[in-house]
Every structure is written in C-alpha cells, then in structure tokens.
Amino acid sequence: MQIEKRLKKLNIQLPDTPKPIANYVPSVKTGNLIFLSGQGPMDKAGNYISGKVGVDFNLDDAYDAARTVGLQLISILKSEIQDLDKVKRIVKLLGMVNAGGNFTDHPKVINGCSDLLVAVFEAKGKHARSAVGMGSLPGNIPVEIEMIVEIE
C-alpha cells in the first residue's frame, strides 16, 4: 500500500482505465514484464485531446498532456497487476510527440510522464527512455507513450 499512500500524499487520483480504440489490448504480461500499449491524453470527459505541439500546444501544455498519459498508464498497470507495490522497476518508455517541423524539445515534453513516474515510484520509477518527434499521431493527439514495467 506504499504506492497508494504516495498517490494520496501527492494528491493524485488515477483516471478510469482507458479502453482500446482499435484491435489491441491495453497491456500484455509475459514472465515478469508488463508491456503497456501506447496511450494518448484524454480529458476528464474521456475524449482524446488533439493538436500539434509547437503549433496548437506550447511546451507547458504538452508536458501536462504527457503527465496525463502517465496517469493513464499507471491506471492500466494497476488494472493489470492490482497492487502497484508489485512494481520492481519502470524499465522503458517510448514517447512520441506530434510536433510541428520547428519543434525540437521532445524530451522536455516526455518529462511530463517521466517526472510523474519518479514522483510516484521514486527510484523504481527511473527508466530508460526514447523521446521522438512524429509528423502525426492517431486522432492528431499531441503525444503517445508506451511503457515496459518489471514486476515482482
């Protein structure tokens, strides 16, 4: 219950687990690894946020969108393993940023998710990561992030 306590201390309430929008599952467990499918940011009503970073979104808004995706990923993870204290390590993130041609701060956007994971899981939340720019993403979402987690 340590992670649940930390979530409360950080005043974080996890959103409902998002449903897949195509023919895939939100997560797959194999051995002691959980692979979480790419997620895009949703508003409180459950609608996807859309727009290009550097065009429709500034860096701060894009960081917030990546943080929102991080919350969704934690929600999916909790649905898969029930107890977040089973997390041994956040292993890897792949962050994709739907960016205008002149935007170059992709890592700063994905920090929205990374900073959240470190705040919630502390040392277990430090992870390897890629942050890349894309010409487009599904539904014109500003960011999509997938995650690999090792569990006990």
N, C-alpha and C. Protein backbone atom coordinates (compact mmCIF):
# COMPACT_ATOMS: atom_id res chain seq x y z
N MET A 1 0.82 -1.21 0.00
CA MET A 1 0.00 0.00 0.00
C MET A 1 0.86 1.27 0.00
N GLN A 2 2.17 1.11 -0.12
CA GLN A 2 3.04 2.29 -0.10
C GLN A 2 2.78 3.21 -1.29
N ILE A 3 2.59 2.64 -2.46
CA ILE A 3 2.35 3.46 -3.66
C ILE A 3 1.00 4.17 -3.54
N GLU A 4 0.00 3.47 -3.04
CA GLU A 4 -1.32 4.10 -2.85
C GLU A 4 -1.21 5.28 -1.88
N LYS A 5 -0.45 5.10 -0.81
CA LYS A 5 -0.24 6.20 0.14
C LYS A 5 0.48 7.37 -0.52
N ARG A 6 1.48 7.05 -1.35
CA ARG A 6 2.22 8.10 -2.04
C ARG A 6 1.30 8.85 -3.01
N LEU A 7 0.43 8.13 -3.71
CA LEU A 7 -0.52 8.78 -4.61
C LEU A 7 -1.39 9.77 -3.84
N LYS A 8 -1.87 9.35 -2.67
CA LYS A 8 -2.71 10.24 -1.84
C LYS A 8 -1.90 11.45 -1.38
N LYS A 9 -0.67 11.21 -0.94
CA LYS A 9 0.19 12.29 -0.46
C LYS A 9 0.45 13.30 -1.57
N LEU A 10 0.59 12.81 -2.80
CA LEU A 10 0.84 13.67 -3.96
C LEU A 10 -0.46 14.25 -4.52
N ASN A 11 -1.59 13.92 -3.88
CA ASN A 11 -2.91 14.37 -4.32
C ASN A 11 -3.21 13.94 -5.77
N ILE A 12 -2.87 12.69 -6.05
CA ILE A 12 -3.07 12.12 -7.38
C ILE A 12 -4.21 11.11 -7.33
N GLN A 13 -5.20 11.33 -8.17
CA GLN A 13 -6.28 10.37 -8.34
C GLN A 13 -6.16 9.81 -9.75
N LEU A 14 -6.07 8.49 -9.84
CA LEU A 14 -5.92 7.86 -11.14
C LEU A 14 -7.23 7.93 -11.92
N PRO A 15 -7.14 8.15 -13.23
CA PRO A 15 -8.34 8.17 -14.06
C PRO A 15 -8.86 6.75 -14.27
N ASP A 16 -10.07 6.66 -14.83
CA ASP A 16 -10.58 5.36 -15.24
C ASP A 16 -9.63 4.78 -16.28
N THR A 17 -9.54 3.46 -16.31
CA THR A 17 -8.67 2.81 -17.29
C THR A 17 -9.24 3.02 -18.69
N PRO A 18 -8.44 3.62 -19.59
CA PRO A 18 -8.94 3.85 -20.95
C PRO A 18 -9.17 2.53 -21.69
N LYS A 19 -10.14 2.55 -22.57
CA LYS A 19 -10.45 1.38 -23.40
C LYS A 19 -9.69 1.49 -24.73
N PRO A 20 -9.28 0.36 -25.30
CA PRO A 20 -8.59 0.38 -26.60
C PRO A 20 -9.48 0.99 -27.69
N ILE A 21 -8.86 1.70 -28.63
CA ILE A 21 -9.61 2.30 -29.73
C ILE A 21 -9.49 1.50 -31.02
N ALA A 22 -8.77 0.37 -30.96
CA ALA A 22 -8.57 -0.47 -32.14
C ALA A 22 -8.41 -1.92 -31.67
N ASN A 23 -7.87 -2.76 -32.52
CA ASN A 23 -7.74 -4.18 -32.24
C ASN A 23 -6.42 -4.48 -31.50
N TYR A 24 -6.40 -4.15 -30.21
CA TYR A 24 -5.26 -4.45 -29.35
C TYR A 24 -5.76 -4.49 -27.91
N VAL A 25 -4.90 -4.93 -27.01
CA VAL A 25 -5.22 -4.92 -25.59
C VAL A 25 -4.35 -3.86 -24.90
N PRO A 26 -4.81 -3.30 -23.77
CA PRO A 26 -4.06 -2.24 -23.11
C PRO A 26 -2.71 -2.69 -22.55
N SER A 27 -2.61 -3.97 -22.17
CA SER A 27 -1.35 -4.47 -21.62
C SER A 27 -1.23 -5.96 -21.85
N VAL A 28 0.02 -6.41 -21.88
CA VAL A 28 0.32 -7.84 -22.01
C VAL A 28 1.39 -8.17 -20.99
N LYS A 29 1.12 -9.23 -20.21
CA LYS A 29 2.10 -9.71 -19.24
C LYS A 29 2.78 -10.93 -19.81
N THR A 30 4.11 -10.94 -19.78
CA THR A 30 4.87 -12.11 -20.16
C THR A 30 6.02 -12.23 -19.16
N GLY A 31 6.06 -13.36 -18.47
CA GLY A 31 7.04 -13.51 -17.41
C GLY A 31 6.82 -12.44 -16.35
N ASN A 32 7.87 -11.72 -16.01
CA ASN A 32 7.75 -10.66 -15.01
C ASN A 32 7.74 -9.27 -15.65
N LEU A 33 7.40 -9.21 -16.94
CA LEU A 33 7.32 -7.93 -17.64
C LEU A 33 5.88 -7.64 -18.06
N ILE A 34 5.52 -6.37 -17.94
CA ILE A 34 4.22 -5.89 -18.43
C ILE A 34 4.53 -4.88 -19.54
N PHE A 35 3.96 -5.10 -20.71
CA PHE A 35 4.09 -4.19 -21.84
C PHE A 35 2.78 -3.42 -21.96
N LEU A 36 2.83 -2.11 -21.81
CA LEU A 36 1.63 -1.28 -21.90
C LEU A 36 1.58 -0.62 -23.27
N SER A 37 0.44 -0.77 -23.93
CA SER A 37 0.23 -0.19 -25.26
C SER A 37 0.31 1.33 -25.20
N GLY A 38 0.65 1.93 -26.32
CA GLY A 38 0.72 3.38 -26.40
C GLY A 38 -0.61 4.02 -26.06
N GLN A 39 -0.54 5.10 -25.29
CA GLN A 39 -1.73 5.84 -24.85
C GLN A 39 -1.59 7.30 -25.24
N GLY A 40 -2.74 7.91 -25.55
CA GLY A 40 -2.79 9.34 -25.81
C GLY A 40 -3.57 10.04 -24.72
N PRO A 41 -3.37 11.34 -24.55
CA PRO A 41 -4.02 12.06 -23.45
C PRO A 41 -5.51 12.25 -23.65
N MET A 42 -6.25 12.01 -22.57
CA MET A 42 -7.71 12.19 -22.58
C MET A 42 -8.07 13.27 -21.57
N ASP A 43 -9.15 14.00 -21.87
CA ASP A 43 -9.64 14.98 -20.91
C ASP A 43 -10.52 14.26 -19.87
N LYS A 44 -11.03 15.01 -18.90
CA LYS A 44 -11.81 14.41 -17.81
C LYS A 44 -13.09 13.73 -18.30
N ALA A 45 -13.59 14.13 -19.47
CA ALA A 45 -14.80 13.54 -20.03
C ALA A 45 -14.50 12.26 -20.83
N GLY A 46 -13.19 11.92 -20.97
CA GLY A 46 -12.81 10.72 -21.70
C GLY A 46 -12.61 10.93 -23.18
N ASN A 47 -12.50 12.18 -23.61
CA ASN A 47 -12.25 12.49 -25.01
C ASN A 47 -10.76 12.73 -25.23
N TYR A 48 -10.26 12.27 -26.36
CA TYR A 48 -8.85 12.50 -26.66
C TYR A 48 -8.59 13.97 -26.93
N ILE A 49 -7.49 14.46 -26.41
CA ILE A 49 -7.02 15.82 -26.67
C ILE A 49 -6.31 15.78 -28.01
N SER A 50 -6.50 16.79 -28.85
CA SER A 50 -5.84 16.78 -30.15
C SER A 50 -5.12 18.10 -30.41
N GLY A 51 -4.10 18.01 -31.24
CA GLY A 51 -3.33 19.18 -31.64
C GLY A 51 -1.85 18.86 -31.72
N LYS A 52 -1.14 19.68 -32.48
CA LYS A 52 0.30 19.53 -32.66
C LYS A 52 1.06 20.37 -31.65
N VAL A 53 2.12 19.80 -31.12
CA VAL A 53 2.99 20.52 -30.19
C VAL A 53 3.83 21.51 -30.99
N GLY A 54 3.92 22.72 -30.49
CA GLY A 54 4.64 23.77 -31.19
C GLY A 54 3.77 24.54 -32.17
N VAL A 55 2.54 24.05 -32.37
CA VAL A 55 1.57 24.72 -33.25
C VAL A 55 0.32 25.04 -32.42
N ASP A 56 -0.34 23.99 -31.91
CA ASP A 56 -1.56 24.14 -31.12
C ASP A 56 -1.29 24.09 -29.62
N PHE A 57 -0.16 23.51 -29.22
CA PHE A 57 0.21 23.35 -27.82
C PHE A 57 1.59 23.95 -27.59
N ASN A 58 1.74 24.66 -26.48
CA ASN A 58 3.09 25.10 -26.11
C ASN A 58 3.74 23.99 -25.28
N LEU A 59 4.98 24.19 -24.90
CA LEU A 59 5.72 23.17 -24.18
C LEU A 59 5.06 22.81 -22.85
N ASP A 60 4.58 23.79 -22.11
CA ASP A 60 3.94 23.51 -20.82
C ASP A 60 2.68 22.68 -20.98
N ASP A 61 1.86 23.00 -21.98
CA ASP A 61 0.64 22.23 -22.23
C ASP A 61 0.98 20.80 -22.67
N ALA A 62 2.02 20.67 -23.48
CA ALA A 62 2.42 19.34 -23.95
C ALA A 62 2.98 18.50 -22.79
N TYR A 63 3.73 19.13 -21.89
CA TYR A 63 4.22 18.46 -20.68
C TYR A 63 3.04 17.93 -19.87
N ASP A 64 2.01 18.76 -19.70
CA ASP A 64 0.81 18.34 -18.97
C ASP A 64 0.11 17.18 -19.67
N ALA A 65 0.08 17.21 -21.00
CA ALA A 65 -0.54 16.11 -21.75
C ALA A 65 0.23 14.81 -21.52
N ALA A 66 1.56 14.89 -21.50
CA ALA A 66 2.38 13.69 -21.24
C ALA A 66 2.16 13.20 -19.81
N ARG A 67 1.99 14.11 -18.86
CA ARG A 67 1.71 13.72 -17.48
C ARG A 67 0.37 12.99 -17.41
N THR A 68 -0.62 13.50 -18.14
CA THR A 68 -1.93 12.85 -18.20
C THR A 68 -1.80 11.43 -18.73
N VAL A 69 -0.99 11.25 -19.75
CA VAL A 69 -0.76 9.91 -20.29
C VAL A 69 -0.12 9.03 -19.22
N GLY A 70 0.81 9.58 -18.45
CA GLY A 70 1.42 8.82 -17.37
C GLY A 70 0.40 8.33 -16.36
N LEU A 71 -0.55 9.17 -16.02
CA LEU A 71 -1.63 8.76 -15.11
C LEU A 71 -2.43 7.62 -15.71
N GLN A 72 -2.73 7.71 -16.99
CA GLN A 72 -3.48 6.65 -17.67
C GLN A 72 -2.68 5.35 -17.67
N LEU A 73 -1.37 5.44 -17.91
CA LEU A 73 -0.53 4.25 -17.91
C LEU A 73 -0.51 3.59 -16.53
N ILE A 74 -0.41 4.40 -15.48
CA ILE A 74 -0.45 3.84 -14.11
C ILE A 74 -1.79 3.17 -13.86
N SER A 75 -2.87 3.77 -14.34
CA SER A 75 -4.20 3.19 -14.18
C SER A 75 -4.29 1.83 -14.88
N ILE A 76 -3.77 1.74 -16.08
CA ILE A 76 -3.77 0.47 -16.81
C ILE A 76 -2.92 -0.56 -16.08
N LEU A 77 -1.76 -0.13 -15.60
CA LEU A 77 -0.87 -1.02 -14.85
C LEU A 77 -1.57 -1.56 -13.62
N LYS A 78 -2.25 -0.68 -12.90
CA LYS A 78 -2.97 -1.12 -11.70
C LYS A 78 -4.06 -2.12 -12.06
N SER A 79 -4.75 -1.91 -13.16
CA SER A 79 -5.78 -2.86 -13.60
C SER A 79 -5.17 -4.23 -13.90
N GLU A 80 -3.96 -4.22 -14.43
CA GLU A 80 -3.29 -5.47 -14.80
C GLU A 80 -2.76 -6.22 -13.57
N ILE A 81 -2.13 -5.50 -12.62
CA ILE A 81 -1.44 -6.19 -11.52
C ILE A 81 -2.12 -6.00 -10.17
N GLN A 82 -3.17 -5.16 -10.10
CA GLN A 82 -3.96 -4.89 -8.89
C GLN A 82 -3.20 -4.09 -7.82
N ASP A 83 -1.99 -4.48 -7.49
CA ASP A 83 -1.23 -3.87 -6.41
C ASP A 83 0.02 -3.20 -6.98
N LEU A 84 0.06 -1.87 -6.97
CA LEU A 84 1.19 -1.14 -7.54
C LEU A 84 2.49 -1.35 -6.78
N ASP A 85 2.42 -1.89 -5.56
CA ASP A 85 3.65 -2.21 -4.83
C ASP A 85 4.39 -3.39 -5.44
N LYS A 86 3.77 -4.09 -6.38
CA LYS A 86 4.44 -5.19 -7.09
C LYS A 86 5.43 -4.68 -8.12
N VAL A 87 5.41 -3.38 -8.40
CA VAL A 87 6.33 -2.82 -9.41
C VAL A 87 7.76 -2.92 -8.87
N LYS A 88 8.59 -3.61 -9.63
CA LYS A 88 10.01 -3.71 -9.29
C LYS A 88 10.77 -2.57 -9.94
N ARG A 89 10.36 -2.21 -11.18
CA ARG A 89 11.06 -1.15 -11.90
C ARG A 89 10.25 -0.74 -13.13
N ILE A 90 10.16 0.56 -13.35
CA ILE A 90 9.70 1.05 -14.66
C ILE A 90 10.93 0.91 -15.54
N VAL A 91 10.85 0.09 -16.56
CA VAL A 91 12.02 -0.26 -17.36
C VAL A 91 12.25 0.74 -18.50
N LYS A 92 11.19 1.02 -19.28
CA LYS A 92 11.40 1.80 -20.51
C LYS A 92 10.14 2.52 -20.91
N LEU A 93 10.31 3.74 -21.40
CA LEU A 93 9.24 4.50 -22.04
C LEU A 93 9.63 4.78 -23.48
N LEU A 94 8.65 4.76 -24.35
CA LEU A 94 8.80 5.30 -25.69
C LEU A 94 7.79 6.43 -25.79
N GLY A 95 8.27 7.65 -25.91
CA GLY A 95 7.42 8.82 -26.02
C GLY A 95 7.46 9.39 -27.41
N MET A 96 6.30 9.52 -28.02
CA MET A 96 6.19 10.07 -29.38
C MET A 96 5.44 11.39 -29.31
N VAL A 97 6.01 12.41 -29.90
CA VAL A 97 5.44 13.76 -29.85
C VAL A 97 5.01 14.18 -31.24
N ASN A 98 3.74 14.52 -31.39
CA ASN A 98 3.18 15.01 -32.64
C ASN A 98 3.56 16.50 -32.71
N ALA A 99 4.63 16.80 -33.42
CA ALA A 99 5.21 18.13 -33.35
C ALA A 99 5.29 18.82 -34.71
N GLY A 100 5.18 20.15 -34.64
CA GLY A 100 5.43 20.96 -35.82
C GLY A 100 6.90 20.84 -36.22
N GLY A 101 7.19 21.15 -37.45
CA GLY A 101 8.52 20.96 -38.02
C GLY A 101 9.65 21.67 -37.30
N ASN A 102 9.40 22.78 -36.64
CA ASN A 102 10.45 23.52 -35.96
C ASN A 102 10.58 23.17 -34.48
N PHE A 103 9.73 22.30 -33.97
CA PHE A 103 9.76 21.95 -32.55
C PHE A 103 10.88 20.94 -32.30
N THR A 104 11.71 21.20 -31.28
CA THR A 104 12.85 20.31 -31.01
C THR A 104 12.97 19.89 -29.55
N ASP A 105 12.00 20.21 -28.71
CA ASP A 105 12.09 19.91 -27.28
C ASP A 105 11.31 18.66 -26.89
N HIS A 106 11.35 17.64 -27.73
CA HIS A 106 10.62 16.40 -27.48
C HIS A 106 10.93 15.80 -26.10
N PRO A 107 12.19 15.75 -25.67
CA PRO A 107 12.48 15.19 -24.34
C PRO A 107 11.79 15.97 -23.21
N LYS A 108 11.70 17.29 -23.34
CA LYS A 108 11.05 18.10 -22.30
C LYS A 108 9.56 17.79 -22.22
N VAL A 109 8.94 17.45 -23.33
CA VAL A 109 7.53 17.06 -23.33
C VAL A 109 7.36 15.76 -22.56
N ILE A 110 8.14 14.75 -22.90
CA ILE A 110 8.00 13.42 -22.30
C ILE A 110 8.40 13.44 -20.82
N ASN A 111 9.14 14.47 -20.40
CA ASN A 111 9.43 14.63 -18.97
C ASN A 111 8.14 14.70 -18.15
N GLY A 112 7.04 15.14 -18.75
CA GLY A 112 5.77 15.17 -18.02
C GLY A 112 5.40 13.80 -17.49
N CYS A 113 5.64 12.78 -18.26
CA CYS A 113 5.37 11.40 -17.83
C CYS A 113 6.50 10.90 -16.93
N SER A 114 7.73 11.13 -17.33
CA SER A 114 8.88 10.64 -16.56
C SER A 114 8.90 11.22 -15.15
N ASP A 115 8.67 12.54 -15.03
CA ASP A 115 8.67 13.17 -13.72
C ASP A 115 7.59 12.58 -12.82
N LEU A 116 6.43 12.30 -13.40
CA LEU A 116 5.34 11.68 -12.63
C LEU A 116 5.75 10.30 -12.13
N LEU A 117 6.32 9.48 -13.01
CA LEU A 117 6.70 8.12 -12.62
C LEU A 117 7.74 8.12 -11.51
N VAL A 118 8.69 9.05 -11.56
CA VAL A 118 9.69 9.13 -10.50
C VAL A 118 9.05 9.63 -9.20
N ALA A 119 8.12 10.57 -9.29
CA ALA A 119 7.43 11.05 -8.08
C ALA A 119 6.63 9.93 -7.42
N VAL A 120 5.98 9.10 -8.22
CA VAL A 120 5.13 8.04 -7.69
C VAL A 120 5.94 6.83 -7.23
N PHE A 121 6.88 6.37 -8.06
CA PHE A 121 7.60 5.14 -7.78
C PHE A 121 9.01 5.37 -7.23
N GLU A 122 9.39 6.63 -7.09
CA GLU A 122 10.72 7.02 -6.59
C GLU A 122 11.81 6.32 -7.41
N ALA A 123 12.81 5.71 -6.78
CA ALA A 123 13.93 5.11 -7.52
C ALA A 123 13.46 4.04 -8.50
N LYS A 124 12.38 3.32 -8.18
CA LYS A 124 11.85 2.29 -9.08
C LYS A 124 11.23 2.91 -10.33
N GLY A 125 10.99 4.20 -10.30
CA GLY A 125 10.39 4.89 -11.43
C GLY A 125 11.39 5.42 -12.44
N LYS A 126 12.68 5.39 -12.11
CA LYS A 126 13.71 5.84 -13.05
C LYS A 126 13.84 4.80 -14.15
N HIS A 127 13.87 5.26 -15.40
CA HIS A 127 13.73 4.35 -16.52
C HIS A 127 14.58 4.78 -17.71
N ALA A 128 14.80 3.85 -18.61
CA ALA A 128 15.37 4.17 -19.92
C ALA A 128 14.24 4.78 -20.75
N ARG A 129 14.60 5.59 -21.76
CA ARG A 129 13.54 6.28 -22.48
C ARG A 129 14.00 6.74 -23.85
N SER A 130 13.06 6.78 -24.77
CA SER A 130 13.24 7.45 -26.05
C SER A 130 12.14 8.49 -26.17
N ALA A 131 12.48 9.65 -26.71
CA ALA A 131 11.51 10.71 -26.95
C ALA A 131 11.73 11.19 -28.38
N VAL A 132 10.76 10.93 -29.24
CA VAL A 132 10.93 11.21 -30.66
C VAL A 132 9.78 12.05 -31.20
N GLY A 133 10.06 12.80 -32.25
CA GLY A 133 9.04 13.59 -32.91
C GLY A 133 8.40 12.81 -34.04
N MET A 134 7.12 13.05 -34.25
CA MET A 134 6.35 12.40 -35.31
C MET A 134 5.65 13.47 -36.14
N GLY A 135 5.46 13.18 -37.40
CA GLY A 135 4.72 14.10 -38.27
C GLY A 135 3.23 14.09 -37.97
N SER A 136 2.74 12.98 -37.40
CA SER A 136 1.34 12.89 -36.99
C SER A 136 1.22 11.71 -36.04
N LEU A 137 0.12 11.70 -35.30
CA LEU A 137 -0.24 10.59 -34.43
C LEU A 137 -1.74 10.34 -34.59
N PRO A 138 -2.25 9.16 -34.21
CA PRO A 138 -3.66 8.85 -34.38
C PRO A 138 -4.57 9.93 -33.76
N GLY A 139 -5.58 10.34 -34.49
CA GLY A 139 -6.53 11.33 -33.99
C GLY A 139 -5.90 12.69 -33.72
N ASN A 140 -4.71 12.90 -34.24
CA ASN A 140 -3.97 14.15 -34.05
C ASN A 140 -3.65 14.42 -32.57
N ILE A 141 -3.53 13.34 -31.76
CA ILE A 141 -3.16 13.52 -30.36
C ILE A 141 -1.75 14.13 -30.29
N PRO A 142 -1.48 14.95 -29.27
CA PRO A 142 -0.18 15.61 -29.20
C PRO A 142 0.97 14.70 -28.76
N VAL A 143 0.64 13.63 -28.04
CA VAL A 143 1.68 12.74 -27.52
C VAL A 143 1.11 11.34 -27.35
N GLU A 144 1.95 10.34 -27.59
CA GLU A 144 1.60 8.95 -27.32
C GLU A 144 2.79 8.33 -26.60
N ILE A 145 2.50 7.58 -25.54
CA ILE A 145 3.58 6.98 -24.75
C ILE A 145 3.23 5.52 -24.47
N GLU A 146 4.23 4.66 -24.63
CA GLU A 146 4.10 3.26 -24.23
C GLU A 146 5.14 2.97 -23.16
N MET A 147 4.92 1.91 -22.38
CA MET A 147 5.76 1.66 -21.21
C MET A 147 5.98 0.16 -20.99
N ILE A 148 7.18 -0.18 -20.51
CA ILE A 148 7.51 -1.55 -20.10
C ILE A 148 7.84 -1.50 -18.62
N VAL A 149 7.24 -2.45 -17.85
CA VAL A 149 7.39 -2.48 -16.40
C VAL A 149 7.79 -3.87 -15.96
N GLU A 150 8.75 -3.96 -15.05
CA GLU A 150 9.11 -5.22 -14.42
C GLU A 150 8.39 -5.31 -13.08
N ILE A 151 7.80 -6.48 -12.83
CA ILE A 151 7.08 -6.68 -11.56
C ILE A 151 7.73 -7.81 -10.78
N GLU A 152 7.42 -7.84 -9.48
CA GLU A 152 7.95 -8.89 -8.59
C GLU A 152 7.24 -10.19 -8.88
